[in-house]
PDB file of N, CA and C in Angstrom:
ATOM      1  N   MET A   1      14.671  23.727  -6.433  1.00  0.00           N
ATOM      2  CA  MET A   1      13.525  23.266  -5.908  1.00  0.00           C
ATOM      3  C   MET A   1      13.854  21.624  -6.258  1.00  0.00           C
ATOM      4  N   SER A   2      12.903  21.093  -5.260  1.00  0.00           N
ATOM      5  CA  SER A   2      12.831  19.791  -5.273  1.00  0.00           C
ATOM      6  C   SER A   2      11.394  19.097  -5.300  1.00  0.00           C
ATOM      7  N   ARG A   3      11.157  18.027  -5.780  1.00  0.00           N
ATOM      8  CA  ARG A   3       9.797  17.571  -6.061  1.00  0.00           C
ATOM      9  C   ARG A   3       9.622  16.227  -5.637  1.00  0.00           C
ATOM     10  N   ILE A   4       8.459  15.855  -5.050  1.00  0.00           N
ATOM     11  CA  ILE A   4       7.982  14.626  -4.914  1.00  0.00           C
ATOM     12  C   ILE A   4       6.752  14.371  -5.824  1.00  0.00           C
ATOM     13  N   GLN A   5       7.027  13.205  -6.535  1.00  0.00           N
ATOM     14  CA  GLN A   5       6.062  12.751  -7.555  1.00  0.00           C
ATOM     15  C   GLN A   5       5.919  11.318  -7.383  1.00  0.00           C
ATOM     16  N   LYS A   6       4.646  10.883  -7.135  1.00  0.00           N
ATOM     17  CA  LYS A   6       4.459   9.616  -6.830  1.00  0.00           C
ATOM     18  C   LYS A   6       2.959   9.125  -7.552  1.00  0.00           C
ATOM     19  N   LYS A   7       2.937   7.924  -7.861  1.00  0.00           N
ATOM     20  CA  LYS A   7       1.746   7.345  -8.323  1.00  0.00           C
ATOM     21  C   LYS A   7       1.545   6.074  -7.814  1.00  0.00           C
ATOM     22  N   PHE A   8       0.184   5.654  -7.164  1.00  0.00           N
ATOM     23  CA  PHE A   8       0.091   4.517  -6.603  1.00  0.00           C
ATOM     24  C   PHE A   8      -1.259   3.801  -7.185  1.00  0.00           C
ATOM     25  N   GLN A   9      -1.242   2.648  -7.602  1.00  0.00           N
ATOM     26  CA  GLN A   9      -2.435   1.894  -7.834  1.00  0.00           C
ATOM     27  C   GLN A   9      -2.885   1.250  -6.416  1.00  0.00           C
ATOM     28  N   THR A  10      -4.176   1.560  -6.173  1.00  0.00           N
ATOM     29  CA  THR A  10      -4.706   0.944  -4.948  1.00  0.00           C
ATOM     30  C   THR A  10      -5.846   0.047  -5.213  1.00  0.00           C
ATOM     31  N   LYS A  11      -6.348  -0.343  -3.903  1.00  0.00           N
ATOM     32  CA  LYS A  11      -7.572  -1.353  -4.031  1.00  0.00           C
ATOM     33  C   LYS A  11      -8.781  -0.751  -3.355  1.00  0.00           C
ATOM     34  N   HIS A  12      -8.812   0.851  -3.425  1.00  0.00           N
ATOM     35  CA  HIS A  12      -9.710   1.167  -2.623  1.00  0.00           C
ATOM     36  C   HIS A  12     -10.418   2.507  -3.551  1.00  0.00           C
ATOM     37  N   THR A  13     -11.607   2.767  -3.099  1.00  0.00           N
ATOM     38  CA  THR A  13     -12.334   3.850  -3.835  1.00  0.00           C
ATOM     39  C   THR A  13     -11.903   5.163  -3.234  1.00  0.00           C
ATOM     40  N   VAL A  14     -12.313   6.311  -3.905  1.00  0.00           N
ATOM     41  CA  VAL A  14     -11.932   7.571  -3.300  1.00  0.00           C
ATOM     42  C   VAL A  14     -12.444   7.816  -1.953  1.00  0.00           C
ATOM     43  N   PRO A  15     -13.614   7.514  -1.460  1.00  0.00           N
ATOM     44  CA  PRO A  15     -14.047   7.852  -0.188  1.00  0.00           C
ATOM     45  C   PRO A  15     -13.267   6.808   0.808  1.00  0.00           C
ATOM     46  N   GLU A  16     -13.019   5.598   0.467  1.00  0.00           N
ATOM     47  CA  GLU A  16     -12.092   5.028   1.454  1.00  0.00           C
ATOM     48  C   GLU A  16     -10.682   5.526   1.546  1.00  0.00           C
ATOM     49  N   MET A  17     -10.110   5.999   0.387  1.00  0.00           N
ATOM     50  CA  MET A  17      -8.804   6.675   0.588  1.00  0.00           C
ATOM     51  C   MET A  17      -8.869   7.930   1.269  1.00  0.00           C
ATOM     52  N   LYS A  18      -9.934   8.828   1.103  1.00  0.00           N
ATOM     53  CA  LYS A  18      -9.964   9.961   1.775  1.00  0.00           C
ATOM     54  C   LYS A  18     -10.060   9.665   3.191  1.00  0.00           C
ATOM     55  N   ASN A  19     -10.788   8.633   3.755  1.00  0.00           N
ATOM     56  CA  ASN A  19     -10.932   8.213   5.233  1.00  0.00           C
ATOM     57  C   ASN A  19      -9.498   7.713   5.629  1.00  0.00           C
ATOM     58  N   PHE A  20      -8.898   7.217   4.886  1.00  0.00           N
ATOM     59  CA  PHE A  20      -7.524   6.543   5.095  1.00  0.00           C
ATOM     60  C   PHE A  20      -6.432   7.776   5.510  1.00  0.00           C
ATOM     61  N   ILE A  21      -6.480   8.637   4.486  1.00  0.00           N
ATOM     62  CA  ILE A  21      -5.647   9.733   4.486  1.00  0.00           C
ATOM     63  C   ILE A  21      -5.731  10.676   5.757  1.00  0.00           C
ATOM     64  N   ASN A  22      -7.249  11.092   5.914  1.00  0.00           N
ATOM     65  CA  ASN A  22      -7.688  11.822   7.109  1.00  0.00           C
ATOM     66  C   ASN A  22      -7.313  11.203   8.382  1.00  0.00           C
ATOM     67  N   ALA A  23      -7.530   9.822   8.553  1.00  0.00           N
ATOM     68  CA  ALA A  23      -7.231   9.075   9.886  1.00  0.00           C
ATOM     69  C   ALA A  23      -5.756   8.619  10.029  1.00  0.00           C
ATOM     70  N   ASN A  24      -4.914   8.312   8.975  1.00  0.00           N
ATOM     71  CA  ASN A  24      -3.653   7.734   9.297  1.00  0.00           C
ATOM     72  C   ASN A  24      -2.614   8.582   8.545  1.00  0.00           C
ATOM     73  N   ILE A  25      -2.757   9.331   7.443  1.00  0.00           N
ATOM     74  CA  ILE A  25      -1.640  10.021   6.910  1.00  0.00           C
ATOM     75  C   ILE A  25      -1.406  11.425   7.355  1.00  0.00           C
ATOM     76  N   LEU A  26      -2.511  12.153   7.502  1.00  0.00           N
ATOM     77  CA  LEU A  26      -2.280  13.480   8.017  1.00  0.00           C
ATOM     78  C   LEU A  26      -1.958  13.596   9.364  1.00  0.00           C
ATOM     79  N   PRO A  27      -2.379  12.714  10.288  1.00  0.00           N
ATOM     80  CA  PRO A  27      -2.040  12.788  11.675  1.00  0.00           C
ATOM     81  C   PRO A  27      -0.463  12.346  12.007  1.00  0.00           C
ATOM     82  N   ASN A  28       0.121  11.659  10.860  1.00  0.00           N
ATOM     83  CA  ASN A  28       1.395  11.068  11.050  1.00  0.00           C
ATOM     84  C   ASN A  28       2.329  12.052  11.562  1.00  0.00           C
ATOM     85  N   PRO A  29       3.200  11.784  12.504  1.00  0.00           N
ATOM     86  CA  PRO A  29       4.006  13.208  12.999  1.00  0.00           C
ATOM     87  C   PRO A  29       4.983  13.555  11.785  1.00  0.00           C
ATOM     88  N   ALA A  30       5.561  12.728  10.956  1.00  0.00           N
ATOM     89  CA  ALA A  30       6.428  13.165   9.972  1.00  0.00           C
ATOM     90  C   ALA A  30       5.692  13.934   8.902  1.00  0.00           C
ATOM     91  N   VAL A  31       4.514  13.631   8.598  1.00  0.00           N
ATOM     92  CA  VAL A  31       3.686  14.494   7.644  1.00  0.00           C
ATOM     93  C   VAL A  31       3.086  15.604   8.451  1.00  0.00           C
ATOM     94  N   LYS A  32       2.576  15.564   9.652  1.00  0.00           N
ATOM     95  CA  LYS A  32       1.812  16.587  10.360  1.00  0.00           C
ATOM     96  C   LYS A  32       2.948  17.782  10.490  1.00  0.00           C
ATOM     97  N   SER A  33       4.186  17.472  10.825  1.00  0.00           N
ATOM     98  CA  SER A  33       5.197  18.581  11.100  1.00  0.00           C
ATOM     99  C   SER A  33       5.368  19.202   9.836  1.00  0.00           C
ATOM    100  N   PHE A  34       5.196  18.859   8.593  1.00  0.00           N
ATOM    101  CA  PHE A  34       5.305  19.409   7.223  1.00  0.00           C
ATOM    102  C   PHE A  34       4.190  20.239   6.846  1.00  0.00           C
ATOM    103  N   ILE A  35       2.923  19.800   7.345  1.00  0.00           N
ATOM    104  CA  ILE A  35       1.719  20.433   6.788  1.00  0.00           C
ATOM    105  C   ILE A  35       1.422  21.652   7.635  1.00  0.00           C
ATOM    106  N   GLU A  36       1.054  22.926   6.739  1.00  0.00           N
ATOM    107  CA  GLU A  36       0.635  24.008   7.656  1.00  0.00           C
ATOM    108  C   GLU A  36      -0.958  24.044   7.417  1.00  0.00           C
ATOM    109  N   SER A  37      -1.532  23.689   6.214  1.00  0.00           N
ATOM    110  CA  SER A  37      -2.932  23.669   6.067  1.00  0.00           C
ATOM    111  C   SER A  37      -3.179  22.766   4.748  1.00  0.00           C
ATOM    112  N   THR A  38      -4.444  22.010   4.922  1.00  0.00           N
ATOM    113  CA  THR A  38      -4.923  21.241   3.859  1.00  0.00           C
ATOM    114  C   THR A  38      -6.206  21.513   3.544  1.00  0.00           C
ATOM    115  N   SER A  39      -6.733  21.246   2.425  1.00  0.00           N
ATOM    116  CA  SER A  39      -8.091  21.595   1.978  1.00  0.00           C
ATOM    117  C   SER A  39      -8.499  20.595   0.696  1.00  0.00           C
ATOM    118  N   TRP A  40      -9.665  19.922   0.997  1.00  0.00           N
ATOM    119  CA  TRP A  40     -10.111  18.961   0.130  1.00  0.00           C
ATOM    120  C   TRP A  40     -10.919  19.790  -0.902  1.00  0.00           C
ATOM    121  N   VAL A  41     -10.790  19.705  -2.122  1.00  0.00           N
ATOM    122  CA  VAL A  41     -11.527  20.126  -3.234  1.00  0.00           C
ATOM    123  C   VAL A  41     -11.988  19.078  -4.183  1.00  0.00           C
ATOM    124  N   ASN A  42     -13.217  18.455  -3.938  1.00  0.00           N
ATOM    125  CA  ASN A  42     -13.763  17.383  -4.517  1.00  0.00           C
ATOM    126  C   ASN A  42     -12.869  16.250  -4.149  1.00  0.00           C
ATOM    127  N   ASN A  43     -12.023  15.653  -5.099  1.00  0.00           N
ATOM    128  CA  ASN A  43     -11.198  14.482  -4.821  1.00  0.00           C
ATOM    129  C   ASN A  43      -9.705  14.781  -4.621  1.00  0.00           C
ATOM    130  N   ASP A  44      -9.345  16.216  -4.513  1.00  0.00           N
ATOM    131  CA  ASP A  44      -8.018  16.542  -4.578  1.00  0.00           C
ATOM    132  C   ASP A  44      -7.688  17.283  -3.169  1.00  0.00           C
ATOM    133  N   LEU A  45      -6.663  16.871  -2.597  1.00  0.00           N
ATOM    134  CA  LEU A  45      -6.260  17.415  -1.272  1.00  0.00           C
ATOM    135  C   LEU A  45      -5.125  18.269  -1.540  1.00  0.00           C
ATOM    136  N   PHE A  46      -5.230  19.644  -1.253  1.00  0.00           N
ATOM    137  CA  PHE A  46      -4.295  20.659  -1.568  1.00  0.00           C
ATOM    138  C   PHE A  46      -3.693  21.125  -0.175  1.00  0.00           C
ATOM    139  N   ILE A  47      -2.311  21.030  -0.286  1.00  0.00           N
ATOM    140  CA  ILE A  47      -1.474  21.078   0.883  1.00  0.00           C
ATOM    141  C   ILE A  47      -0.530  22.419   0.971  1.00  0.00           C
ATOM    142  N   THR A  48      -0.460  22.995   1.894  1.00  0.00           N
ATOM    143  CA  THR A  48       0.529  24.255   1.922  1.00  0.00           C
ATOM    144  C   THR A  48       1.367  23.988   3.252  1.00  0.00           C
ATOM    145  N   SER A  49       2.568  24.591   2.987  1.00  0.00           N
ATOM    146  CA  SER A  49       3.584  24.445   4.074  1.00  0.00           C
ATOM    147  C   SER A  49       4.650  25.377   3.978  1.00  0.00           C
ATOM    148  N   LYS A  50       5.272  25.755   5.093  1.00  0.00           N
ATOM    149  CA  LYS A  50       6.610  26.475   4.900  1.00  0.00           C
ATOM    150  C   LYS A  50       7.653  25.869   4.125  1.00  0.00           C
ATOM    151  N   LEU A  51       7.432  24.410   3.975  1.00  0.00           N
ATOM    152  CA  LEU A  51       8.594  23.590   3.291  1.00  0.00           C
ATOM    153  C   LEU A  51       8.126  23.435   1.675  1.00  0.00           C
ATOM    154  N   GLY A  52       6.945  23.781   1.480  1.00  0.00           N
ATOM    155  CA  GLY A  52       6.420  23.645   0.090  1.00  0.00           C
ATOM    156  C   GLY A  52       4.989  23.556  -0.136  1.00  0.00           C
ATOM    157  N   SER A  53       4.528  23.170  -1.354  1.00  0.00           N
ATOM    158  CA  SER A  53       3.177  22.930  -1.547  1.00  0.00           C
ATOM    159  C   SER A  53       2.834  22.050  -2.598  1.00  0.00           C
ATOM    160  N   GLY A  54       1.564  21.374  -2.504  1.00  0.00           N
ATOM    161  CA  GLY A  54       1.177  20.398  -3.568  1.00  0.00           C
ATOM    162  C   GLY A  54      -0.031  19.919  -3.446  1.00  0.00           C
ATOM    163  N   LYS A  55      -0.320  18.819  -3.891  1.00  0.00           N
ATOM    164  CA  LYS A  55      -1.645  18.248  -4.152  1.00  0.00           C
ATOM    165  C   LYS A  55      -1.593  16.603  -3.926  1.00  0.00           C
ATOM    166  N   ILE A  56      -2.508  15.958  -3.610  1.00  0.00           N
ATOM    167  CA  ILE A  56      -2.786  14.473  -3.533  1.00  0.00           C
ATOM    168  C   ILE A  56      -4.104  14.410  -4.411  1.00  0.00           C
ATOM    169  N   ILE A  57      -3.962  13.714  -5.661  1.00  0.00           N
ATOM    170  CA  ILE A  57      -5.137  13.635  -6.447  1.00  0.00           C
ATOM    171  C   ILE A  57      -5.690  12.241  -6.376  1.00  0.00           C
ATOM    172  N   LEU A  58      -6.889  11.951  -6.167  1.00  0.00           N
ATOM    173  CA  LEU A  58      -7.451  10.720  -5.916  1.00  0.00           C
ATOM    174  C   LEU A  58      -8.543  10.380  -7.004  1.00  0.00           C
ATOM    175  N   ARG A  59      -8.338   9.200  -7.383  1.00  0.00           N
ATOM    176  CA  ARG A  59      -9.478   8.554  -8.326  1.00  0.00           C
ATOM    177  C   ARG A  59      -9.648   7.098  -7.899  1.00  0.00           C
ATOM    178  N   ASP A  60     -10.713   6.504  -8.005  1.00  0.00           N
ATOM    179  CA  ASP A  60     -11.072   5.179  -7.660  1.00  0.00           C
ATOM    180  C   ASP A  60      -9.842   4.225  -7.977  1.00  0.00           C
ATOM    181  N   TYR A  61      -9.192   3.739  -7.081  1.00  0.00           N
ATOM    182  CA  TYR A  61      -8.139   2.668  -7.331  1.00  0.00           C
ATOM    183  C   TYR A  61      -6.756   3.476  -7.600  1.00  0.00           C
ATOM    184  N   TYR A  62      -6.665   4.729  -7.495  1.00  0.00           N
ATOM    185  CA  TYR A  62      -5.578   5.492  -7.986  1.00  0.00           C
ATOM    186  C   TYR A  62      -5.163   6.576  -7.060  1.00  0.00           C
ATOM    187  N   ALA A  63      -4.088   6.804  -6.770  1.00  0.00           N
ATOM    188  CA  ALA A  63      -3.667   8.070  -6.123  1.00  0.00           C
ATOM    189  C   ALA A  63      -2.316   8.645  -6.710  1.00  0.00           C
ATOM    190  N   GLU A  64      -2.290  10.137  -6.787  1.00  0.00           N
ATOM    191  CA  GLU A  64      -1.158  10.657  -7.422  1.00  0.00           C
ATOM    192  C   GLU A  64      -0.698  11.824  -6.443  1.00  0.00           C
ATOM    193  N   ILE A  65       0.608  11.871  -6.196  1.00  0.00           N
ATOM    194  CA  ILE A  65       1.200  12.769  -5.291  1.00  0.00           C
ATOM    195  C   ILE A  65       2.050  13.759  -6.007  1.00  0.00           C
ATOM    196  N   ASP A  66       1.865  15.057  -5.825  1.00  0.00           N
ATOM    197  CA  ASP A  66       2.720  15.936  -6.560  1.00  0.00           C
ATOM    198  C   ASP A  66       2.898  17.100  -5.479  1.00  0.00           C
ATOM    199  N   ILE A  67       4.106  17.222  -4.920  1.00  0.00           N
ATOM    200  CA  ILE A  67       4.362  18.266  -4.046  1.00  0.00           C
ATOM    201  C   ILE A  67       5.770  18.784  -4.324  1.00  0.00           C
ATOM    202  N   GLU A  68       5.795  20.289  -4.457  1.00  0.00           N
ATOM    203  CA  GLU A  68       7.124  21.023  -4.782  1.00  0.00           C
ATOM    204  C   GLU A  68       7.710  21.469  -3.362  1.00  0.00           C
ATOM    205  N   LEU A  69       8.778  21.162  -3.252  1.00  0.00           N
ATOM    206  CA  LEU A  69       9.642  21.582  -1.922  1.00  0.00           C
ATOM    207  C   LEU A  69      10.347  22.730  -2.249  1.00  0.00           C
ATOM    208  N   ASN A  70      10.429  23.615  -1.369  1.00  0.00           N
ATOM    209  CA  ASN A  70      11.478  24.697  -1.408  1.00  0.00           C
ATOM    210  C   ASN A  70      12.902  24.247  -0.866  1.00  0.00           C
ATOM    211  N   PHE A  71      13.686  25.173  -0.545  1.00  0.00           N
ATOM    212  CA  PHE A  71      14.917  24.723  -0.067  1.00  0.00           C
ATOM    213  C   PHE A  71      15.106  23.931   1.049  1.00  0.00           C
ATOM    214  N   LEU A  72      14.276  24.448   2.140  1.00  0.00           N
ATOM    215  CA  LEU A  72      14.125  23.837   3.362  1.00  0.00           C
ATOM    216  C   LEU A  72      13.451  22.509   3.222  1.00  0.00           C
ATOM    217  N   GLY A  73      12.235  22.390   2.404  1.00  0.00           N
ATOM    218  CA  GLY A  73      11.746  21.075   2.270  1.00  0.00           C
ATOM    219  C   GLY A  73      12.644  20.031   1.627  1.00  0.00           C
ATOM    220  N   LYS A  74      13.718  20.533   0.807  1.00  0.00           N
ATOM    221  CA  LYS A  74      14.464  19.690   0.312  1.00  0.00           C
ATOM    222  C   LYS A  74      15.257  18.808   1.145  1.00  0.00           C
ATOM    223  N   MET A  75      15.515  19.376   2.429  1.00  0.00           N
ATOM    224  CA  MET A  75      16.209  18.684   3.554  1.00  0.00           C
ATOM    225  C   MET A  75      15.449  17.487   4.078  1.00  0.00           C
ATOM    226  N   ALA A  76      13.994  17.684   4.209  1.00  0.00           N
ATOM    227  CA  ALA A  76      13.015  16.767   4.617  1.00  0.00           C
ATOM    228  C   ALA A  76      12.698  15.871   3.579  1.00  0.00           C
ATOM    229  N   LYS A  77      12.922  16.026   2.516  1.00  0.00           N
ATOM    230  CA  LYS A  77      12.363  15.150   1.328  1.00  0.00           C
ATOM    231  C   LYS A  77      12.421  13.620   1.678  1.00  0.00           C
ATOM    232  N   GLY A  78      13.527  13.172   1.962  1.00  0.00           N
ATOM    233  CA  GLY A  78      13.669  11.693   2.316  1.00  0.00           C
ATOM    234  C   GLY A  78      12.827  11.189   3.333  1.00  0.00           C
ATOM    235  N   THR A  79      12.563  11.818   4.446  1.00  0.00           N
ATOM    236  CA  THR A  79      11.829  11.401   5.357  1.00  0.00           C
ATOM    237  C   THR A  79      10.150  11.388   5.045  1.00  0.00           C
ATOM    238  N   LEU A  80       9.942  12.501   4.408  1.00  0.00           N
ATOM    239  CA  LEU A  80       8.620  12.579   3.888  1.00  0.00           C
ATOM    240  C   LEU A  80       8.070  11.589   2.851  1.00  0.00           C
ATOM    241  N   GLU A  81       9.077  11.476   1.977  1.00  0.00           N
ATOM    242  CA  GLU A  81       8.841  10.481   0.798  1.00  0.00           C
ATOM    243  C   GLU A  81       8.770   9.099   1.354  1.00  0.00           C
ATOM    244  N   ALA A  82       9.634   8.785   2.278  1.00  0.00           N
ATOM    245  CA  ALA A  82       9.477   7.400   2.794  1.00  0.00           C
ATOM    246  C   ALA A  82       8.280   7.241   3.495  1.00  0.00           C
ATOM    247  N   THR A  83       7.643   8.081   4.390  1.00  0.00           N
ATOM    248  CA  THR A  83       6.487   8.147   5.030  1.00  0.00           C
ATOM    249  C   THR A  83       5.240   7.951   4.034  1.00  0.00           C
ATOM    250  N   LEU A  84       5.288   8.795   3.021  1.00  0.00           N
ATOM    251  CA  LEU A  84       4.077   8.556   2.116  1.00  0.00           C
ATOM    252  C   LEU A  84       4.141   7.305   1.331  1.00  0.00           C
ATOM    253  N   ASP A  85       5.207   6.854   1.081  1.00  0.00           N
ATOM    254  CA  ASP A  85       5.505   5.477   0.334  1.00  0.00           C
ATOM    255  C   ASP A  85       4.942   4.448   1.287  1.00  0.00           C
ATOM    256  N   LYS A  86       5.365   4.392   2.555  1.00  0.00           N
ATOM    257  CA  LYS A  86       4.809   3.369   3.628  1.00  0.00           C
ATOM    258  C   LYS A  86       3.473   3.614   3.702  1.00  0.00           C
ATOM    259  N   GLU A  87       2.887   4.772   3.777  1.00  0.00           N
ATOM    260  CA  GLU A  87       1.403   4.852   4.157  1.00  0.00           C
ATOM    261  C   GLU A  87       0.503   4.283   2.914  1.00  0.00           C
ATOM    262  N   PHE A  88       0.978   4.933   1.693  1.00  0.00           N
ATOM    263  CA  PHE A  88       0.066   4.760   0.479  1.00  0.00           C
ATOM    264  C   PHE A  88       0.165   3.195   0.066  1.00  0.00           C
ATOM    265  N   LYS A  89       1.416   2.515   0.316  1.00  0.00           N
ATOM    266  CA  LYS A  89       1.626   1.133  -0.089  1.00  0.00           C
ATOM    267  C   LYS A  89       0.479   0.218   0.728  1.00  0.00           C
ATOM    268  N   GLN A  90       0.056   0.792   1.963  1.00  0.00           N
ATOM    269  CA  GLN A  90      -1.016  -0.002   2.656  1.00  0.00           C
ATOM    270  C   GLN A  90      -2.290   0.030   1.909  1.00  0.00           C
ATOM    271  N   LEU A  91      -2.559   1.076   1.124  1.00  0.00           N
ATOM    272  CA  LEU A  91      -3.752   0.879   0.288  1.00  0.00           C
ATOM    273  C   LEU A  91      -3.767   0.025  -1.040  1.00  0.00           C
ATOM    274  N   SER A  92      -2.572  -0.413  -1.176  1.00  0.00           N
ATOM    275  CA  SER A  92      -2.365  -1.459  -2.266  1.00  0.00           C
ATOM    276  C   SER A  92      -2.640  -3.053  -1.940  1.00  0.00           C
ATOM    277  N   SER A  93      -2.718  -3.109  -0.639  1.00  0.00           N
ATOM    278  CA  SER A  93      -2.968  -4.578  -0.090  1.00  0.00           C
ATOM    279  C   SER A  93      -4.331  -4.704   0.313  1.00  0.00           C
TER     280      SER A  93
END
């Protein structure tokens, strides 16, 4: 198994980050192809996929990503990780 674990300091509150994730990250083709379903529970976004599962935890000015990838997901890790890095770094500026 492979895992994506990232922590980002941001300049945005939880509602702002939720809007950004819903509008920019989830529709991103590299991310969208990975995701089967998502569900928000308070400030945590739970993600399931044929490639793995995980969550994005939001706190004001902080986001944490923890996604466990299965064997197939391991092959897509580089693309997915680069996309998440690029998108979440926008929240830091």
